[in-house]
Amino acid sequence: MYRQSSRPVGLENDSSLTGTFEVTLTRAVLPYGEEGERADSGGRIQDIGLGVVVDGADPARADVLDLGSAEVRVVDLTGPLVVLGWLYPSGVQSLRRVVEGADGDGIDRARAFTFNMALRALQGSGFGPLTRPTILRIGFRDLCRDLDLHETTALRLVLRNGSVVRLQLDYESVTLVVRSARSSRDHVLEGALSEAFPGRELFRTALRQPAGGQGYHVPLPIPRSLSDSRDLLRRLRGGFLDLLGRFEPDRFHSLAEFTATFGERDSLRSLRDPADLHSLEPVSLRRAVASSLKDVH
């Protein structure tokens, strides 16, 4: 079986597509991807990968204000794009006034303002393949903030042999990517991953990692609703805590006490699935067949 994590779509040199267009994207609200080392490390912890184009004069590389960090990123917008909506010109001006020159407590207020805007945009667009990556990134960012807050959106684990393992989520393919610093296979880690995420297949990358270590992929069930997404994130949290309890028990107990005191982050709690989604109920074929057999005389 062939597995491949998602990567930004690029255009071939002899492609008939230009990758550029004449329509300006200024005021567009859109998800964007990071490139290079940032993408390989899970992305910046403050960013959510959803932003507003504040300067789309250059259609190839636009200035995008990330609605998580409230900071401007220069983003390569060549290739397929998803536009969730457009701000009014007055909305962009208000956004600029809030974020420009914000620092200290001001940046926290600006981020609260922009993140609320992001949640409203996601709620208005609804859950689907186009919004799922952003929703998963926001939820996984909560896990990282609770369990391993640092500059990137990834979870770090120190094994008993002293090597460091990084776990990040491929938001597009819904795959847990595990990178080990060891150049040789680690059977103890492989067994621990299988037990932490039971019922999921574990794949080892055949290609050599950039840093020379081993890489593992754990494909996860693709959520079909916001409720499914939150359940998946809870299982990811539980799986990582299981790994912590095995390899870093002291840190595990410290985090358990911290979580018991302050609770778990849940930035997605204000989002709701459509009402008609909850009107569906599963059909039990076994019960239905048994009932029909009783009616036969």
Protein backbone atom coordinates (compact mmCIF):
# COMPACT_ATOMS: atom_id res chain seq x y z
CA MET A 1 0.00 0.00 0.00
CA TYR A 2 1.38 3.41 -0.96
CA ARG A 3 1.15 6.25 1.52
CA GLN A 4 2.19 9.81 0.96
CA SER A 5 1.83 12.88 3.14
CA SER A 6 0.56 15.99 1.48
CA ARG A 7 2.95 18.55 0.06
CA PRO A 8 2.34 21.98 -1.49
CA VAL A 9 1.40 21.61 -5.15
CA GLY A 10 4.00 23.12 -7.46
CA LEU A 11 3.87 23.74 -11.18
CA GLU A 12 6.24 21.97 -13.53
CA ASN A 13 8.60 24.06 -15.64
CA ASP A 14 6.77 23.06 -18.83
CA SER A 15 3.30 23.40 -17.32
CA SER A 16 0.63 25.13 -19.39
CA LEU A 17 -0.55 26.88 -16.20
CA THR A 18 1.03 30.21 -15.28
CA GLY A 19 0.41 29.98 -11.53
CA THR A 20 -0.49 33.70 -11.48
CA PHE A 21 -3.66 35.66 -12.14
CA GLU A 22 -4.86 39.24 -12.60
CA VAL A 23 -7.49 39.38 -9.84
CA THR A 24 -6.10 40.89 -6.64
CA LEU A 25 -6.50 38.80 -3.50
CA THR A 26 -6.43 41.76 -1.12
CA ARG A 27 -9.14 41.30 1.57
CA ALA A 28 -9.43 37.55 0.94
CA VAL A 29 -9.66 35.20 3.93
CA LEU A 30 -7.80 32.03 3.04
CA PRO A 31 -5.86 29.10 4.46
CA TYR A 32 -2.21 28.99 3.48
CA GLY A 33 0.64 26.55 3.87
CA GLU A 34 4.18 27.07 5.06
CA GLU A 35 7.23 25.99 3.14
CA GLY A 36 10.59 24.47 3.87
CA GLU A 37 11.81 23.95 7.41
CA ARG A 38 8.78 25.57 9.03
CA ALA A 39 6.43 23.14 7.30
CA ASP A 40 8.61 20.16 8.24
CA SER A 41 8.59 21.20 11.90
CA GLY A 42 4.81 21.65 12.15
CA GLY A 43 4.70 25.40 11.62
CA ARG A 44 4.98 28.26 14.08
CA ILE A 45 3.10 27.71 17.33
CA GLN A 46 1.44 31.14 17.17
CA ASP A 47 0.16 30.73 13.60
CA ILE A 48 -2.97 28.84 12.59
CA GLY A 49 -2.45 28.88 8.81
CA LEU A 50 -5.55 31.00 8.18
CA GLY A 51 -5.12 34.64 7.28
CA VAL A 52 -6.30 37.78 5.55
CA VAL A 53 -4.45 39.05 2.50
CA VAL A 54 -3.57 42.64 3.39
CA ASP A 55 -1.51 43.27 0.26
CA GLY A 56 -2.21 41.18 -2.81
CA ALA A 57 -0.55 43.43 -5.36
CA ASP A 58 1.90 40.65 -6.18
CA PRO A 59 -0.28 37.59 -6.81
CA ALA A 60 2.64 35.20 -6.41
CA ARG A 61 3.89 36.34 -2.98
CA ALA A 62 1.33 38.21 -0.92
CA ASP A 63 1.38 39.70 2.57
CA VAL A 64 -0.99 37.63 4.69
CA LEU A 65 -1.95 38.51 8.25
CA ASP A 66 -2.19 35.24 10.16
CA LEU A 67 -5.33 35.28 12.32
CA GLY A 68 -3.61 33.30 15.07
CA SER A 69 -0.39 35.25 15.60
CA ALA A 70 -1.72 38.61 14.31
CA GLU A 71 1.56 38.89 12.40
CA VAL A 72 2.15 39.38 8.68
CA ARG A 73 3.66 36.47 6.75
CA VAL A 74 4.95 36.58 3.18
CA VAL A 75 3.17 33.67 1.54
CA ASP A 76 3.68 31.99 -1.83
CA LEU A 77 0.18 31.85 -3.32
CA THR A 78 1.00 30.10 -6.58
CA GLY A 79 -0.96 26.93 -7.15
CA PRO A 80 -4.46 25.97 -5.94
CA LEU A 81 -6.06 28.41 -3.49
CA VAL A 82 -9.11 28.23 -1.24
CA VAL A 83 -10.86 31.53 -0.48
CA LEU A 84 -13.30 31.26 2.41
CA GLY A 85 -14.60 34.81 2.01
CA TRP A 86 -13.76 38.48 1.71
CA LEU A 87 -13.55 41.26 4.27
CA TYR A 88 -15.08 44.64 3.55
CA PRO A 89 -12.46 47.34 2.92
CA SER A 90 -13.46 48.90 6.25
CA GLY A 91 -12.85 45.52 7.90
CA VAL A 92 -9.27 45.40 6.62
CA GLN A 93 -8.71 48.94 7.88
CA SER A 94 -10.06 48.00 11.33
CA LEU A 95 -7.83 44.93 11.33
CA ARG A 96 -4.77 47.04 10.53
CA ARG A 97 -5.57 49.48 13.35
CA VAL A 98 -5.83 46.64 15.85
CA VAL A 99 -2.59 44.86 14.97
CA GLU A 100 -0.25 47.66 13.86
CA GLY A 101 2.16 48.61 16.62
CA ALA A 102 0.69 46.06 19.04
CA ASP A 103 3.18 44.69 21.58
CA GLY A 104 3.13 43.34 25.14
CA ASP A 105 -0.44 43.19 26.38
CA GLY A 106 -1.49 44.83 23.13
CA ILE A 107 -0.41 41.85 21.05
CA ASP A 108 -2.44 39.52 23.26
CA ARG A 109 -5.54 41.65 22.69
CA ALA A 110 -4.82 41.77 18.97
CA ARG A 111 -4.48 37.99 18.82
CA ALA A 112 -7.74 37.54 20.73
CA PHE A 113 -9.43 39.82 18.18
CA THR A 114 -7.99 38.09 15.10
CA PHE A 115 -8.55 34.59 16.46
CA ASN A 116 -12.21 35.38 17.13
CA MET A 117 -12.40 36.53 13.51
CA ALA A 118 -10.90 33.20 12.42
CA LEU A 119 -13.47 31.22 14.40
CA ARG A 120 -16.31 33.23 12.89
CA ALA A 121 -14.93 32.57 9.40
CA LEU A 122 -14.66 28.83 10.09
CA GLN A 123 -18.15 28.67 11.57
CA GLY A 124 -19.56 30.53 8.58
CA SER A 125 -17.79 28.24 6.13
CA GLY A 126 -18.77 25.08 7.97
CA PHE A 127 -16.77 21.89 8.42
CA GLY A 128 -15.49 20.21 5.28
CA PRO A 129 -12.38 19.19 3.35
CA LEU A 130 -11.48 22.86 2.79
CA THR A 131 -11.64 23.89 6.47
CA ARG A 132 -10.61 20.59 8.11
CA PRO A 133 -6.82 21.25 7.94
CA THR A 134 -7.18 24.60 9.69
CA ILE A 135 -9.48 23.15 12.35
CA LEU A 136 -7.05 20.31 13.02
CA ARG A 137 -4.13 22.72 13.21
CA ILE A 138 -5.94 24.86 15.79
CA GLY A 139 -6.79 21.78 17.86
CA PHE A 140 -3.28 20.33 17.63
CA ARG A 141 -1.87 23.72 18.61
CA ASP A 142 -3.89 23.44 21.83
CA LEU A 143 -2.23 20.09 22.56
CA CYS A 144 1.23 21.57 22.01
CA ARG A 145 0.49 24.56 24.23
CA ASP A 146 -0.73 22.30 27.02
CA LEU A 147 1.88 19.56 26.77
CA ASP A 148 5.02 21.02 25.14
CA LEU A 149 4.93 24.77 24.52
CA HIS A 150 7.81 25.95 22.35
CA GLU A 151 8.30 27.78 19.06
CA THR A 152 6.84 25.16 16.71
CA THR A 153 3.60 23.18 16.58
CA ALA A 154 5.07 19.81 17.52
CA LEU A 155 5.35 17.56 20.56
CA ARG A 156 8.80 16.49 21.76
CA LEU A 157 9.56 13.29 23.62
CA VAL A 158 12.87 12.28 25.23
CA LEU A 159 13.49 8.53 25.09
CA ARG A 160 15.38 6.59 27.74
CA ASN A 161 18.48 6.54 25.56
CA GLY A 162 18.48 10.35 25.50
CA SER A 163 17.39 10.80 21.87
CA VAL A 164 14.60 13.23 21.07
CA VAL A 165 11.48 12.32 19.10
CA ARG A 166 9.19 14.91 17.51
CA LEU A 167 5.52 14.29 16.79
CA GLN A 168 3.59 16.58 14.48
CA LEU A 169 0.34 16.38 12.57
CA ASP A 170 0.09 16.52 8.79
CA TYR A 171 -3.16 18.48 8.68
CA GLU A 172 -3.93 17.77 5.03
CA SER A 173 -3.53 13.98 5.04
CA VAL A 174 -4.50 13.61 8.74
CA THR A 175 -1.33 11.68 9.51
CA LEU A 176 0.76 11.73 12.66
CA VAL A 177 4.39 12.19 11.60
CA VAL A 178 7.02 10.98 14.05
CA ARG A 179 10.69 11.86 13.57
CA SER A 180 13.44 10.18 15.55
CA ALA A 181 16.99 11.50 15.75
CA ARG A 182 18.41 7.96 15.62
CA SER A 183 19.73 6.75 12.27
CA SER A 184 18.81 3.13 13.03
CA ARG A 185 15.40 1.61 13.71
CA ASP A 186 14.13 1.88 17.27
CA HIS A 187 12.00 -1.19 17.97
CA VAL A 188 11.11 0.06 21.45
CA LEU A 189 9.71 3.29 19.99
CA GLU A 190 7.85 1.38 17.28
CA GLY A 191 6.19 -0.84 19.88
CA ALA A 192 5.31 2.16 22.04
CA LEU A 193 3.71 3.98 19.09
CA SER A 194 1.63 0.92 18.23
CA GLU A 195 0.38 0.68 21.81
CA ALA A 196 -0.24 4.42 22.16
CA PHE A 197 -2.36 4.47 18.99
CA PRO A 198 -3.98 1.03 18.91
CA GLY A 199 -5.64 -0.14 15.74
CA ARG A 200 -3.65 2.25 13.55
CA GLU A 201 -1.08 1.14 10.98
CA LEU A 202 2.52 2.22 11.52
CA PHE A 203 4.71 2.99 8.51
CA ARG A 204 8.44 3.67 8.44
CA THR A 205 9.68 6.07 5.78
CA ALA A 206 11.99 4.46 3.26
CA LEU A 207 13.58 7.78 2.31
CA ARG A 208 16.38 9.19 4.40
CA GLN A 209 15.31 12.07 6.66
CA PRO A 210 17.02 15.47 6.21
CA ALA A 211 18.68 15.21 9.64
CA GLY A 212 19.62 11.56 9.10
CA GLY A 213 17.07 10.09 11.52
CA GLN A 214 14.16 7.70 11.18
CA GLY A 215 10.66 8.79 10.28
CA TYR A 216 7.32 7.10 11.02
CA HIS A 217 3.81 7.80 9.79
CA VAL A 218 0.60 6.90 11.62
CA PRO A 219 -2.38 7.49 9.26
CA LEU A 220 -5.40 8.54 11.31
CA PRO A 221 -9.12 8.29 10.53
CA ILE A 222 -10.24 11.30 8.51
CA PRO A 223 -12.84 13.20 10.56
CA ARG A 224 -16.14 13.89 8.83
CA SER A 225 -17.43 16.48 11.29
CA LEU A 226 -16.28 18.86 13.96
CA SER A 227 -17.28 16.31 16.59
CA ASP A 228 -15.10 13.68 14.88
CA SER A 229 -12.21 16.16 14.82
CA ARG A 230 -12.43 16.82 18.54
CA ASP A 231 -12.60 13.08 19.25
CA LEU A 232 -9.49 12.57 17.12
CA LEU A 233 -7.63 15.31 18.97
CA ARG A 234 -8.60 13.75 22.31
CA ARG A 235 -7.15 10.44 21.14
CA LEU A 236 -3.96 12.18 20.05
CA ARG A 237 -3.68 13.80 23.47
CA GLY A 238 -4.23 10.45 25.18
CA GLY A 239 -1.71 8.72 22.94
CA PHE A 240 1.00 11.28 23.64
CA LEU A 241 0.31 11.14 27.37
CA ASP A 242 0.67 7.37 27.17
CA LEU A 243 4.09 7.86 25.56
CA LEU A 244 5.04 10.38 28.22
CA GLY A 245 4.03 8.00 31.00
CA ARG A 246 6.27 5.36 29.46
CA PHE A 247 9.37 7.42 28.66
CA GLU A 248 9.13 10.55 30.84
CA PRO A 249 7.11 9.67 33.97
CA ASP A 250 8.20 12.74 35.96
CA ARG A 251 7.08 15.09 33.21
CA PHE A 252 3.86 13.10 32.83
CA HIS A 253 2.95 13.59 36.50
CA SER A 254 3.80 17.31 36.35
CA LEU A 255 1.56 17.80 33.33
CA ALA A 256 -1.23 15.78 34.96
CA GLU A 257 -1.16 18.10 37.98
CA PHE A 258 -1.06 21.18 35.77
CA THR A 259 -4.01 20.00 33.67
CA ALA A 260 -6.00 19.07 36.79
CA THR A 261 -5.54 22.62 38.03
CA PHE A 262 -6.04 24.67 34.89
CA GLY A 263 -7.94 22.27 32.59
CA GLU A 264 -7.33 21.46 28.93
CA ARG A 265 -7.37 24.04 26.17
CA ASP A 266 -10.25 23.70 23.74
CA SER A 267 -10.23 26.52 21.21
CA LEU A 268 -12.79 24.67 19.07
CA ARG A 269 -15.48 24.57 21.74
CA SER A 270 -17.39 27.52 20.27
CA LEU A 271 -17.71 25.88 16.83
CA ARG A 272 -20.79 23.79 16.12
CA ASP A 273 -21.72 21.13 13.60
CA PRO A 274 -24.88 21.71 11.53
CA ALA A 275 -28.05 20.71 13.36
CA ASP A 276 -29.06 18.22 10.66
CA LEU A 277 -25.85 16.23 11.25
CA HIS A 278 -27.11 15.12 14.66
CA SER A 279 -30.41 13.87 13.21
CA LEU A 280 -28.63 10.83 11.78
CA GLU A 281 -28.45 7.61 13.73
CA PRO A 282 -26.51 4.41 13.01
CA VAL A 283 -28.33 1.36 11.63
CA SER A 284 -27.68 -1.94 13.35
CA LEU A 285 -27.93 -4.57 10.62
CA ARG A 286 -27.63 -7.46 13.04
CA ARG A 287 -30.66 -6.31 15.03
CA ALA A 288 -32.62 -5.56 11.86
CA VAL A 289 -31.91 -9.01 10.39
CA ALA A 290 -32.82 -10.77 13.63
CA SER A 291 -36.11 -8.87 13.81
CA SER A 292 -37.01 -9.80 10.21
CA LEU A 293 -36.32 -13.48 10.89
CA LYS A 294 -38.77 -13.48 13.78
CA ASP A 295 -41.49 -12.25 11.44
CA VAL A 296 -41.06 -15.27 9.15
CA HIS A 297 -43.52 -18.15 9.93
